[in-house]
ModelCIF file with pLDDT and N, C-alpha, C, O atoms, coordinates in Angstrom:
data_MODEL
#
_entry.id   MODEL 
#
_entity.id                         1 
_entity.type                       polymer 
_entity.pdbx_number_of_molecules   1 
#
_entity_poly.entity_id                      1 
_entity_poly.type                           'polypeptide(L)' 
_entity_poly.nstd_linkage                   no 
_entity_poly.nstd_monomer                   no 
_entity_poly.pdbx_seq_one_letter_code       FNAGNMEAKVPVATADEVGELAAAFNDMSQRLEESFSKERELERNRR 
_entity_poly.pdbx_seq_one_letter_code_can   FNAGNMEAKVPVATADEVGELAAAFNDMSQRLEESFSKERELERNRR 
_entity_poly.pdbx_strand_id                 A 
#
loop_
_entity_poly_seq.entity_id 
_entity_poly_seq.num 
_entity_poly_seq.mon_id 
_entity_poly_seq.hetero 
1 1  PHE n 
1 2  ASN n 
1 3  ALA n 
1 4  GLY n 
1 5  ASN n 
1 6  MET n 
1 7  GLU n 
1 8  ALA n 
1 9  LYS n 
1 10 VAL n 
1 11 PRO n 
1 12 VAL n 
1 13 ALA n 
1 14 THR n 
1 15 ALA n 
1 16 ASP n 
1 17 GLU n 
1 18 VAL n 
1 19 GLY n 
1 20 GLU n 
1 21 LEU n 
1 22 ALA n 
1 23 ALA n 
1 24 ALA n 
1 25 PHE n 
1 26 ASN n 
1 27 ASP n 
1 28 MET n 
1 29 SER n 
1 30 GLN n 
1 31 ARG n 
1 32 LEU n 
1 33 GLU n 
1 34 GLU n 
1 35 SER n 
1 36 PHE n 
1 37 SER n 
1 38 LYS n 
1 39 GLU n 
1 40 ARG n 
1 41 GLU n 
1 42 LEU n 
1 43 GLU n 
1 44 ARG n 
1 45 ASN n 
1 46 ARG n 
1 47 ARG n 
#
_struct_asym.id          A 
_struct_asym.entity_id   1 
#
loop_
_ma_qa_metric.id 
_ma_qa_metric.mode 
_ma_qa_metric.name 
_ma_qa_metric.software_group_id 
_ma_qa_metric.type 
1 global pLDDT . pLDDT 
2 local  pLDDT . pLDDT 
#
_ma_qa_metric_global.metric_id      1 
_ma_qa_metric_global.metric_value   78.38 
_ma_qa_metric_global.model_id       1 
_ma_qa_metric_global.ordinal_id     1 
#
loop_
_ma_qa_metric_local.label_asym_id 
_ma_qa_metric_local.label_comp_id 
_ma_qa_metric_local.label_seq_id 
_ma_qa_metric_local.metric_id 
_ma_qa_metric_local.metric_value 
_ma_qa_metric_local.model_id 
_ma_qa_metric_local.ordinal_id 
A PHE 1  2 79.00 1 1  
A ASN 2  2 80.00 1 2  
A ALA 3  2 79.00 1 3  
A GLY 4  2 75.00 1 4  
A ASN 5  2 78.00 1 5  
A MET 6  2 71.00 1 6  
A GLU 7  2 73.00 1 7  
A ALA 8  2 77.00 1 8  
A LYS 9  2 78.00 1 9  
A VAL 10 2 78.00 1 10 
A PRO 11 2 76.00 1 11 
A VAL 12 2 73.00 1 12 
A ALA 13 2 68.00 1 13 
A THR 14 2 69.00 1 14 
A ALA 15 2 70.00 1 15 
A ASP 16 2 71.00 1 16 
A GLU 17 2 74.00 1 17 
A VAL 18 2 74.00 1 18 
A GLY 19 2 78.00 1 19 
A GLU 20 2 81.00 1 20 
A LEU 21 2 81.00 1 21 
A ALA 22 2 81.00 1 22 
A ALA 23 2 82.00 1 23 
A ALA 24 2 85.00 1 24 
A PHE 25 2 82.00 1 25 
A ASN 26 2 83.00 1 26 
A ASP 27 2 85.00 1 27 
A MET 28 2 84.00 1 28 
A SER 29 2 83.00 1 29 
A GLN 30 2 82.00 1 30 
A ARG 31 2 86.00 1 31 
A LEU 32 2 84.00 1 32 
A GLU 33 2 82.00 1 33 
A GLU 34 2 83.00 1 34 
A SER 35 2 84.00 1 35 
A PHE 36 2 82.00 1 36 
A SER 37 2 81.00 1 37 
A LYS 38 2 80.00 1 38 
A GLU 39 2 82.00 1 39 
A ARG 40 2 82.00 1 40 
A GLU 41 2 77.00 1 41 
A LEU 42 2 74.00 1 42 
A GLU 43 2 79.00 1 43 
A ARG 44 2 77.00 1 44 
A ASN 45 2 70.00 1 45 
A ARG 46 2 74.00 1 46 
A ARG 47 2 77.00 1 47 
#
loop_
_atom_site.group_PDB 
_atom_site.id 
_atom_site.type_symbol 
_atom_site.label_atom_id 
_atom_site.label_alt_id 
_atom_site.label_comp_id 
_atom_site.label_asym_id 
_atom_site.label_entity_id 
_atom_site.label_seq_id 
_atom_site.pdbx_PDB_ins_code 
_atom_site.Cartn_x 
_atom_site.Cartn_y 
_atom_site.Cartn_z 
_atom_site.occupancy 
_atom_site.B_iso_or_equiv 
_atom_site.pdbx_formal_charge 
_atom_site.auth_seq_id 
_atom_site.auth_comp_id 
_atom_site.auth_asym_id 
_atom_site.auth_atom_id 
_atom_site.pdbx_PDB_model_num 
ATOM 1   N N  . PHE A 1 1  ? 217.735 -79.732 40.096 1.00 79.00 ? 1  PHE A N  1 
ATOM 2   C CA . PHE A 1 1  ? 216.530 -78.728 39.778 1.00 79.00 ? 1  PHE A CA 1 
ATOM 3   C C  . PHE A 1 1  ? 215.144 -79.173 40.975 1.00 79.00 ? 1  PHE A C  1 
ATOM 4   O O  . PHE A 1 1  ? 214.464 -78.424 41.678 1.00 79.00 ? 1  PHE A O  1 
ATOM 5   N N  . ASN A 1 2  ? 215.114 -80.529 40.841 1.00 80.00 ? 2  ASN A N  1 
ATOM 6   C CA . ASN A 1 2  ? 214.166 -81.000 41.715 1.00 80.00 ? 2  ASN A CA 1 
ATOM 7   C C  . ASN A 1 2  ? 214.406 -81.045 42.960 1.00 80.00 ? 2  ASN A C  1 
ATOM 8   O O  . ASN A 1 2  ? 213.415 -81.117 43.687 1.00 80.00 ? 2  ASN A O  1 
ATOM 9   N N  . ALA A 1 3  ? 215.599 -81.023 43.528 1.00 79.00 ? 3  ALA A N  1 
ATOM 10  C CA . ALA A 1 3  ? 216.268 -81.221 44.652 1.00 79.00 ? 3  ALA A CA 1 
ATOM 11  C C  . ALA A 1 3  ? 216.360 -79.874 45.103 1.00 79.00 ? 3  ALA A C  1 
ATOM 12  O O  . ALA A 1 3  ? 217.135 -79.852 46.059 1.00 79.00 ? 3  ALA A O  1 
ATOM 13  N N  . GLY A 1 4  ? 215.871 -78.626 44.816 1.00 75.00 ? 4  GLY A N  1 
ATOM 14  C CA . GLY A 1 4  ? 215.872 -77.392 44.982 1.00 75.00 ? 4  GLY A CA 1 
ATOM 15  C C  . GLY A 1 4  ? 216.793 -76.528 44.867 1.00 75.00 ? 4  GLY A C  1 
ATOM 16  O O  . GLY A 1 4  ? 216.841 -75.468 45.491 1.00 75.00 ? 4  GLY A O  1 
ATOM 17  N N  . ASN A 1 5  ? 218.027 -77.141 43.613 1.00 78.00 ? 5  ASN A N  1 
ATOM 18  C CA . ASN A 1 5  ? 218.904 -76.256 43.068 1.00 78.00 ? 5  ASN A CA 1 
ATOM 19  C C  . ASN A 1 5  ? 218.348 -75.544 42.005 1.00 78.00 ? 5  ASN A C  1 
ATOM 20  O O  . ASN A 1 5  ? 218.400 -76.075 40.896 1.00 78.00 ? 5  ASN A O  1 
ATOM 21  N N  . MET A 1 6  ? 217.733 -74.249 42.142 1.00 71.00 ? 6  MET A N  1 
ATOM 22  C CA . MET A 1 6  ? 217.233 -73.445 41.345 1.00 71.00 ? 6  MET A CA 1 
ATOM 23  C C  . MET A 1 6  ? 217.996 -73.152 40.143 1.00 71.00 ? 6  MET A C  1 
ATOM 24  O O  . MET A 1 6  ? 217.417 -73.176 39.057 1.00 71.00 ? 6  MET A O  1 
ATOM 25  N N  . GLU A 1 7  ? 219.606 -72.795 40.244 1.00 73.00 ? 7  GLU A N  1 
ATOM 26  C CA . GLU A 1 7  ? 220.184 -72.439 39.460 1.00 73.00 ? 7  GLU A CA 1 
ATOM 27  C C  . GLU A 1 7  ? 221.054 -73.823 38.467 1.00 73.00 ? 7  GLU A C  1 
ATOM 28  O O  . GLU A 1 7  ? 222.051 -73.638 37.769 1.00 73.00 ? 7  GLU A O  1 
ATOM 29  N N  . ALA A 1 8  ? 220.539 -74.788 38.610 1.00 77.00 ? 8  ALA A N  1 
ATOM 30  C CA . ALA A 1 8  ? 220.999 -76.151 37.748 1.00 77.00 ? 8  ALA A CA 1 
ATOM 31  C C  . ALA A 1 8  ? 220.781 -75.393 36.502 1.00 77.00 ? 8  ALA A C  1 
ATOM 32  O O  . ALA A 1 8  ? 219.907 -74.537 36.373 1.00 77.00 ? 8  ALA A O  1 
ATOM 33  N N  . LYS A 1 9  ? 221.684 -75.779 35.521 1.00 78.00 ? 9  LYS A N  1 
ATOM 34  C CA . LYS A 1 9  ? 221.656 -75.242 34.214 1.00 78.00 ? 9  LYS A CA 1 
ATOM 35  C C  . LYS A 1 9  ? 222.501 -76.662 33.247 1.00 78.00 ? 9  LYS A C  1 
ATOM 36  O O  . LYS A 1 9  ? 223.321 -77.498 33.626 1.00 78.00 ? 9  LYS A O  1 
ATOM 37  N N  . VAL A 1 10 ? 222.010 -76.487 32.234 1.00 78.00 ? 10 VAL A N  1 
ATOM 38  C CA . VAL A 1 10 ? 222.719 -77.809 31.279 1.00 78.00 ? 10 VAL A CA 1 
ATOM 39  C C  . VAL A 1 10 ? 223.298 -77.046 30.026 1.00 78.00 ? 10 VAL A C  1 
ATOM 40  O O  . VAL A 1 10 ? 222.729 -76.311 29.219 1.00 78.00 ? 10 VAL A O  1 
ATOM 41  N N  . PRO A 1 11 ? 224.501 -77.421 30.113 1.00 76.00 ? 11 PRO A N  1 
ATOM 42  C CA . PRO A 1 11 ? 225.501 -77.077 28.797 1.00 76.00 ? 11 PRO A CA 1 
ATOM 43  C C  . PRO A 1 11 ? 224.675 -77.238 27.354 1.00 76.00 ? 11 PRO A C  1 
ATOM 44  O O  . PRO A 1 11 ? 223.825 -78.107 27.158 1.00 76.00 ? 11 PRO A O  1 
ATOM 45  N N  . VAL A 1 12 ? 225.080 -76.255 26.408 1.00 73.00 ? 12 VAL A N  1 
ATOM 46  C CA . VAL A 1 12 ? 224.182 -76.271 25.292 1.00 73.00 ? 12 VAL A CA 1 
ATOM 47  C C  . VAL A 1 12 ? 225.296 -76.678 24.359 1.00 73.00 ? 12 VAL A C  1 
ATOM 48  O O  . VAL A 1 12 ? 225.951 -75.793 23.808 1.00 73.00 ? 12 VAL A O  1 
ATOM 49  N N  . ALA A 1 13 ? 225.543 -77.869 24.156 1.00 68.00 ? 13 ALA A N  1 
ATOM 50  C CA . ALA A 1 13 ? 226.827 -78.103 23.143 1.00 68.00 ? 13 ALA A CA 1 
ATOM 51  C C  . ALA A 1 13 ? 226.268 -78.203 22.135 1.00 68.00 ? 13 ALA A C  1 
ATOM 52  O O  . ALA A 1 13 ? 227.206 -78.293 21.344 1.00 68.00 ? 13 ALA A O  1 
ATOM 53  N N  . THR A 1 14 ? 224.858 -78.285 21.239 1.00 69.00 ? 14 THR A N  1 
ATOM 54  C CA . THR A 1 14 ? 224.521 -78.614 20.001 1.00 69.00 ? 14 THR A CA 1 
ATOM 55  C C  . THR A 1 14 ? 223.824 -77.864 19.365 1.00 69.00 ? 14 THR A C  1 
ATOM 56  O O  . THR A 1 14 ? 223.208 -77.180 20.182 1.00 69.00 ? 14 THR A O  1 
ATOM 57  N N  . ALA A 1 15 ? 223.481 -77.511 18.063 1.00 70.00 ? 15 ALA A N  1 
ATOM 58  C CA . ALA A 1 15 ? 221.981 -76.902 17.758 1.00 70.00 ? 15 ALA A CA 1 
ATOM 59  C C  . ALA A 1 15 ? 220.849 -77.651 17.317 1.00 70.00 ? 15 ALA A C  1 
ATOM 60  O O  . ALA A 1 15 ? 219.835 -77.162 16.820 1.00 70.00 ? 15 ALA A O  1 
ATOM 61  N N  . ASP A 1 16 ? 221.066 -78.838 17.518 1.00 71.00 ? 16 ASP A N  1 
ATOM 62  C CA . ASP A 1 16 ? 220.062 -80.313 17.124 1.00 71.00 ? 16 ASP A CA 1 
ATOM 63  C C  . ASP A 1 16 ? 218.760 -79.707 18.283 1.00 71.00 ? 16 ASP A C  1 
ATOM 64  O O  . ASP A 1 16 ? 218.606 -78.653 18.900 1.00 71.00 ? 16 ASP A O  1 
ATOM 65  N N  . GLU A 1 17 ? 217.893 -81.144 18.159 1.00 74.00 ? 17 GLU A N  1 
ATOM 66  C CA . GLU A 1 17 ? 216.809 -80.939 19.146 1.00 74.00 ? 17 GLU A CA 1 
ATOM 67  C C  . GLU A 1 17 ? 217.329 -81.024 20.558 1.00 74.00 ? 17 GLU A C  1 
ATOM 68  O O  . GLU A 1 17 ? 216.816 -80.320 21.428 1.00 74.00 ? 17 GLU A O  1 
ATOM 69  N N  . VAL A 1 18 ? 218.207 -81.754 20.801 1.00 74.00 ? 18 VAL A N  1 
ATOM 70  C CA . VAL A 1 18 ? 218.664 -81.728 22.435 1.00 74.00 ? 18 VAL A CA 1 
ATOM 71  C C  . VAL A 1 18 ? 219.111 -80.685 22.777 1.00 74.00 ? 18 VAL A C  1 
ATOM 72  O O  . VAL A 1 18 ? 218.814 -80.158 23.849 1.00 74.00 ? 18 VAL A O  1 
ATOM 73  N N  . GLY A 1 19 ? 220.018 -80.123 21.815 1.00 78.00 ? 19 GLY A N  1 
ATOM 74  C CA . GLY A 1 19 ? 220.293 -78.719 22.248 1.00 78.00 ? 19 GLY A CA 1 
ATOM 75  C C  . GLY A 1 19 ? 219.265 -77.319 22.599 1.00 78.00 ? 19 GLY A C  1 
ATOM 76  O O  . GLY A 1 19 ? 219.377 -76.407 23.419 1.00 78.00 ? 19 GLY A O  1 
ATOM 77  N N  . GLU A 1 20 ? 218.099 -77.685 21.419 1.00 81.00 ? 20 GLU A N  1 
ATOM 78  C CA . GLU A 1 20 ? 217.154 -76.928 21.731 1.00 81.00 ? 20 GLU A CA 1 
ATOM 79  C C  . GLU A 1 20 ? 216.182 -76.907 23.234 1.00 81.00 ? 20 GLU A C  1 
ATOM 80  O O  . GLU A 1 20 ? 215.659 -76.031 23.922 1.00 81.00 ? 20 GLU A O  1 
ATOM 81  N N  . LEU A 1 21 ? 216.311 -78.677 23.279 1.00 81.00 ? 21 LEU A N  1 
ATOM 82  C CA . LEU A 1 21 ? 215.984 -78.690 24.907 1.00 81.00 ? 21 LEU A CA 1 
ATOM 83  C C  . LEU A 1 21 ? 216.684 -78.319 26.179 1.00 81.00 ? 21 LEU A C  1 
ATOM 84  O O  . LEU A 1 21 ? 216.278 -77.737 27.185 1.00 81.00 ? 21 LEU A O  1 
ATOM 85  N N  . ALA A 1 22 ? 217.960 -78.866 25.821 1.00 81.00 ? 22 ALA A N  1 
ATOM 86  C CA . ALA A 1 22 ? 218.709 -77.702 27.007 1.00 81.00 ? 22 ALA A CA 1 
ATOM 87  C C  . ALA A 1 22 ? 218.145 -76.538 27.094 1.00 81.00 ? 22 ALA A C  1 
ATOM 88  O O  . ALA A 1 22 ? 217.480 -76.214 28.078 1.00 81.00 ? 22 ALA A O  1 
ATOM 89  N N  . ALA A 1 23 ? 218.341 -75.778 26.082 1.00 82.00 ? 23 ALA A N  1 
ATOM 90  C CA . ALA A 1 23 ? 218.419 -74.315 25.996 1.00 82.00 ? 23 ALA A CA 1 
ATOM 91  C C  . ALA A 1 23 ? 217.027 -73.976 26.948 1.00 82.00 ? 23 ALA A C  1 
ATOM 92  O O  . ALA A 1 23 ? 216.933 -73.290 27.966 1.00 82.00 ? 23 ALA A O  1 
ATOM 93  N N  . ALA A 1 24 ? 216.013 -74.727 26.205 1.00 85.00 ? 24 ALA A N  1 
ATOM 94  C CA . ALA A 1 24 ? 214.587 -74.910 26.830 1.00 85.00 ? 24 ALA A CA 1 
ATOM 95  C C  . ALA A 1 24 ? 214.590 -74.889 28.286 1.00 85.00 ? 24 ALA A C  1 
ATOM 96  O O  . ALA A 1 24 ? 213.995 -74.037 28.946 1.00 85.00 ? 24 ALA A O  1 
ATOM 97  N N  . PHE A 1 25 ? 215.201 -75.746 28.721 1.00 82.00 ? 25 PHE A N  1 
ATOM 98  C CA . PHE A 1 25 ? 215.194 -76.077 30.100 1.00 82.00 ? 25 PHE A CA 1 
ATOM 99  C C  . PHE A 1 25 ? 215.908 -74.953 30.976 1.00 82.00 ? 25 PHE A C  1 
ATOM 100 O O  . PHE A 1 25 ? 215.390 -74.427 31.961 1.00 82.00 ? 25 PHE A O  1 
ATOM 101 N N  . ASN A 1 26 ? 217.307 -74.633 30.418 1.00 83.00 ? 26 ASN A N  1 
ATOM 102 C CA . ASN A 1 26 ? 218.002 -73.350 31.204 1.00 83.00 ? 26 ASN A CA 1 
ATOM 103 C C  . ASN A 1 26 ? 217.173 -72.269 31.263 1.00 83.00 ? 26 ASN A C  1 
ATOM 104 O O  . ASN A 1 26 ? 217.314 -71.457 32.177 1.00 83.00 ? 26 ASN A O  1 
ATOM 105 N N  . ASP A 1 27 ? 216.030 -72.080 30.135 1.00 85.00 ? 27 ASP A N  1 
ATOM 106 C CA . ASP A 1 27 ? 215.104 -70.701 29.999 1.00 85.00 ? 27 ASP A CA 1 
ATOM 107 C C  . ASP A 1 27 ? 214.233 -70.805 31.262 1.00 85.00 ? 27 ASP A C  1 
ATOM 108 O O  . ASP A 1 27 ? 213.980 -69.945 32.105 1.00 85.00 ? 27 ASP A O  1 
ATOM 109 N N  . MET A 1 28 ? 213.791 -72.262 31.156 1.00 84.00 ? 28 MET A N  1 
ATOM 110 C CA . MET A 1 28 ? 212.483 -72.592 32.438 1.00 84.00 ? 28 MET A CA 1 
ATOM 111 C C  . MET A 1 28 ? 213.310 -72.549 33.678 1.00 84.00 ? 28 MET A C  1 
ATOM 112 O O  . MET A 1 28 ? 212.486 -72.236 34.537 1.00 84.00 ? 28 MET A O  1 
ATOM 113 N N  . SER A 1 29 ? 214.402 -72.676 34.231 1.00 83.00 ? 29 SER A N  1 
ATOM 114 C CA . SER A 1 29 ? 214.854 -72.512 35.006 1.00 83.00 ? 29 SER A CA 1 
ATOM 115 C C  . SER A 1 29 ? 215.285 -71.389 35.461 1.00 83.00 ? 29 SER A C  1 
ATOM 116 O O  . SER A 1 29 ? 215.121 -71.170 36.662 1.00 83.00 ? 29 SER A O  1 
ATOM 117 N N  . GLN A 1 30 ? 215.991 -70.318 34.566 1.00 82.00 ? 30 GLN A N  1 
ATOM 118 C CA . GLN A 1 30 ? 216.180 -68.929 34.546 1.00 82.00 ? 30 GLN A CA 1 
ATOM 119 C C  . GLN A 1 30 ? 215.069 -68.452 35.364 1.00 82.00 ? 30 GLN A C  1 
ATOM 120 O O  . GLN A 1 30 ? 215.169 -68.021 36.513 1.00 82.00 ? 30 GLN A O  1 
ATOM 121 N N  . ARG A 1 31 ? 213.669 -68.602 34.462 1.00 86.00 ? 31 ARG A N  1 
ATOM 122 C CA . ARG A 1 31 ? 212.275 -67.751 34.885 1.00 86.00 ? 31 ARG A CA 1 
ATOM 123 C C  . ARG A 1 31 ? 211.800 -68.282 36.017 1.00 86.00 ? 31 ARG A C  1 
ATOM 124 O O  . ARG A 1 31 ? 211.337 -67.454 36.801 1.00 86.00 ? 31 ARG A O  1 
ATOM 125 N N  . LEU A 1 32 ? 211.768 -69.431 36.357 1.00 84.00 ? 32 LEU A N  1 
ATOM 126 C CA . LEU A 1 32 ? 211.380 -70.044 37.720 1.00 84.00 ? 32 LEU A CA 1 
ATOM 127 C C  . LEU A 1 32 ? 212.435 -69.391 38.880 1.00 84.00 ? 32 LEU A C  1 
ATOM 128 O O  . LEU A 1 32 ? 212.062 -69.022 39.993 1.00 84.00 ? 32 LEU A O  1 
ATOM 129 N N  . GLU A 1 33 ? 213.573 -69.338 38.473 1.00 82.00 ? 33 GLU A N  1 
ATOM 130 C CA . GLU A 1 33 ? 214.432 -68.693 39.665 1.00 82.00 ? 33 GLU A CA 1 
ATOM 131 C C  . GLU A 1 33 ? 213.860 -67.008 40.049 1.00 82.00 ? 33 GLU A C  1 
ATOM 132 O O  . GLU A 1 33 ? 213.642 -66.374 41.082 1.00 82.00 ? 33 GLU A O  1 
ATOM 133 N N  . GLU A 1 34 ? 213.790 -66.790 38.805 1.00 83.00 ? 34 GLU A N  1 
ATOM 134 C CA . GLU A 1 34 ? 213.405 -65.310 39.085 1.00 83.00 ? 34 GLU A CA 1 
ATOM 135 C C  . GLU A 1 34 ? 212.146 -65.211 39.689 1.00 83.00 ? 34 GLU A C  1 
ATOM 136 O O  . GLU A 1 34 ? 211.956 -64.484 40.664 1.00 83.00 ? 34 GLU A O  1 
ATOM 137 N N  . SER A 1 35 ? 211.080 -66.050 39.056 1.00 84.00 ? 35 SER A N  1 
ATOM 138 C CA . SER A 1 35 ? 209.724 -66.089 39.818 1.00 84.00 ? 35 SER A CA 1 
ATOM 139 C C  . SER A 1 35 ? 210.150 -66.290 41.276 1.00 84.00 ? 35 SER A C  1 
ATOM 140 O O  . SER A 1 35 ? 210.530 -65.372 42.002 1.00 84.00 ? 35 SER A O  1 
ATOM 141 N N  . PHE A 1 36 ? 210.064 -67.409 41.591 1.00 82.00 ? 36 PHE A N  1 
ATOM 142 C CA . PHE A 1 36 ? 210.716 -67.602 43.239 1.00 82.00 ? 36 PHE A CA 1 
ATOM 143 C C  . PHE A 1 36 ? 211.626 -66.918 43.969 1.00 82.00 ? 36 PHE A C  1 
ATOM 144 O O  . PHE A 1 36 ? 211.644 -66.971 45.199 1.00 82.00 ? 36 PHE A O  1 
ATOM 145 N N  . SER A 1 37 ? 212.461 -66.215 43.257 1.00 81.00 ? 37 SER A N  1 
ATOM 146 C CA . SER A 1 37 ? 213.313 -65.046 43.893 1.00 81.00 ? 37 SER A CA 1 
ATOM 147 C C  . SER A 1 37 ? 212.064 -63.846 44.343 1.00 81.00 ? 37 SER A C  1 
ATOM 148 O O  . SER A 1 37 ? 212.199 -63.288 45.432 1.00 81.00 ? 37 SER A O  1 
ATOM 149 N N  . LYS A 1 38 ? 210.997 -63.528 43.554 1.00 80.00 ? 38 LYS A N  1 
ATOM 150 C CA . LYS A 1 38 ? 210.637 -62.609 43.523 1.00 80.00 ? 38 LYS A CA 1 
ATOM 151 C C  . LYS A 1 38 ? 209.145 -62.884 44.799 1.00 80.00 ? 38 LYS A C  1 
ATOM 152 O O  . LYS A 1 38 ? 208.520 -62.084 45.496 1.00 80.00 ? 38 LYS A O  1 
ATOM 153 N N  . GLU A 1 39 ? 209.060 -64.166 44.647 1.00 82.00 ? 39 GLU A N  1 
ATOM 154 C CA . GLU A 1 39 ? 208.171 -64.455 45.334 1.00 82.00 ? 39 GLU A CA 1 
ATOM 155 C C  . GLU A 1 39 ? 208.564 -64.515 47.066 1.00 82.00 ? 39 GLU A C  1 
ATOM 156 O O  . GLU A 1 39 ? 207.856 -64.172 48.013 1.00 82.00 ? 39 GLU A O  1 
ATOM 157 N N  . ARG A 1 40 ? 209.769 -65.008 47.066 1.00 82.00 ? 40 ARG A N  1 
ATOM 158 C CA . ARG A 1 40 ? 210.422 -65.206 48.409 1.00 82.00 ? 40 ARG A CA 1 
ATOM 159 C C  . ARG A 1 40 ? 210.545 -63.205 49.091 1.00 82.00 ? 40 ARG A C  1 
ATOM 160 O O  . ARG A 1 40 ? 210.440 -62.877 50.273 1.00 82.00 ? 40 ARG A O  1 
ATOM 161 N N  . GLU A 1 41 ? 210.726 -62.470 48.181 1.00 77.00 ? 41 GLU A N  1 
ATOM 162 C CA . GLU A 1 41 ? 210.943 -61.161 48.190 1.00 77.00 ? 41 GLU A CA 1 
ATOM 163 C C  . GLU A 1 41 ? 209.534 -60.719 48.944 1.00 77.00 ? 41 GLU A C  1 
ATOM 164 O O  . GLU A 1 41 ? 209.396 -60.218 50.060 1.00 77.00 ? 41 GLU A O  1 
ATOM 165 N N  . LEU A 1 42 ? 208.485 -61.094 47.906 1.00 74.00 ? 42 LEU A N  1 
ATOM 166 C CA . LEU A 1 42 ? 207.066 -60.359 48.556 1.00 74.00 ? 42 LEU A CA 1 
ATOM 167 C C  . LEU A 1 42 ? 206.778 -61.389 49.942 1.00 74.00 ? 42 LEU A C  1 
ATOM 168 O O  . LEU A 1 42 ? 206.449 -60.797 50.970 1.00 74.00 ? 42 LEU A O  1 
ATOM 169 N N  . GLU A 1 43 ? 206.855 -62.443 49.982 1.00 79.00 ? 43 GLU A N  1 
ATOM 170 C CA . GLU A 1 43 ? 206.862 -63.164 51.205 1.00 79.00 ? 43 GLU A CA 1 
ATOM 171 C C  . GLU A 1 43 ? 207.640 -62.443 52.381 1.00 79.00 ? 43 GLU A C  1 
ATOM 172 O O  . GLU A 1 43 ? 207.046 -62.260 53.444 1.00 79.00 ? 43 GLU A O  1 
ATOM 173 N N  . ARG A 1 44 ? 209.087 -61.985 52.205 1.00 77.00 ? 44 ARG A N  1 
ATOM 174 C CA . ARG A 1 44 ? 209.693 -60.975 53.286 1.00 77.00 ? 44 ARG A CA 1 
ATOM 175 C C  . ARG A 1 44 ? 209.095 -59.725 53.599 1.00 77.00 ? 44 ARG A C  1 
ATOM 176 O O  . ARG A 1 44 ? 209.083 -59.133 54.678 1.00 77.00 ? 44 ARG A O  1 
ATOM 177 N N  . ASN A 1 45 ? 208.519 -59.354 52.329 1.00 70.00 ? 45 ASN A N  1 
ATOM 178 C CA . ASN A 1 45 ? 208.027 -58.145 52.784 1.00 70.00 ? 45 ASN A CA 1 
ATOM 179 C C  . ASN A 1 45 ? 206.753 -58.079 53.376 1.00 70.00 ? 45 ASN A C  1 
ATOM 180 O O  . ASN A 1 45 ? 206.430 -57.140 54.104 1.00 70.00 ? 45 ASN A O  1 
ATOM 181 N N  . ARG A 1 46 ? 205.812 -59.275 53.033 1.00 74.00 ? 46 ARG A N  1 
ATOM 182 C CA . ARG A 1 46 ? 204.586 -59.278 53.834 1.00 74.00 ? 46 ARG A CA 1 
ATOM 183 C C  . ARG A 1 46 ? 204.789 -59.799 55.253 1.00 74.00 ? 46 ARG A C  1 
ATOM 184 O O  . ARG A 1 46 ? 204.123 -59.387 56.203 1.00 74.00 ? 46 ARG A O  1 
ATOM 185 N N  . ARG A 1 47 ? 205.684 -60.668 55.344 1.00 77.00 ? 47 ARG A N  1 
ATOM 186 C CA . ARG A 1 47 ? 206.013 -60.551 57.380 1.00 77.00 ? 47 ARG A CA 1 
ATOM 187 C C  . ARG A 1 47 ? 206.566 -59.155 57.736 1.00 77.00 ? 47 ARG A C  1 
ATOM 188 O O  . ARG A 1 47 ? 206.831 -58.876 58.905 1.00 77.00 ? 47 ARG A O  1 
#
């Protein structure tokens, strides 16, 4: 994700704290991807 892959996801294999952390990361990644996508669209529209 830090290298620019906004679609990076973590498999959620357990329901413990590690699984919750993975799910939280996936949710964050999804939200950021949507946000960056909207930002790119706005920038394209602005140009």
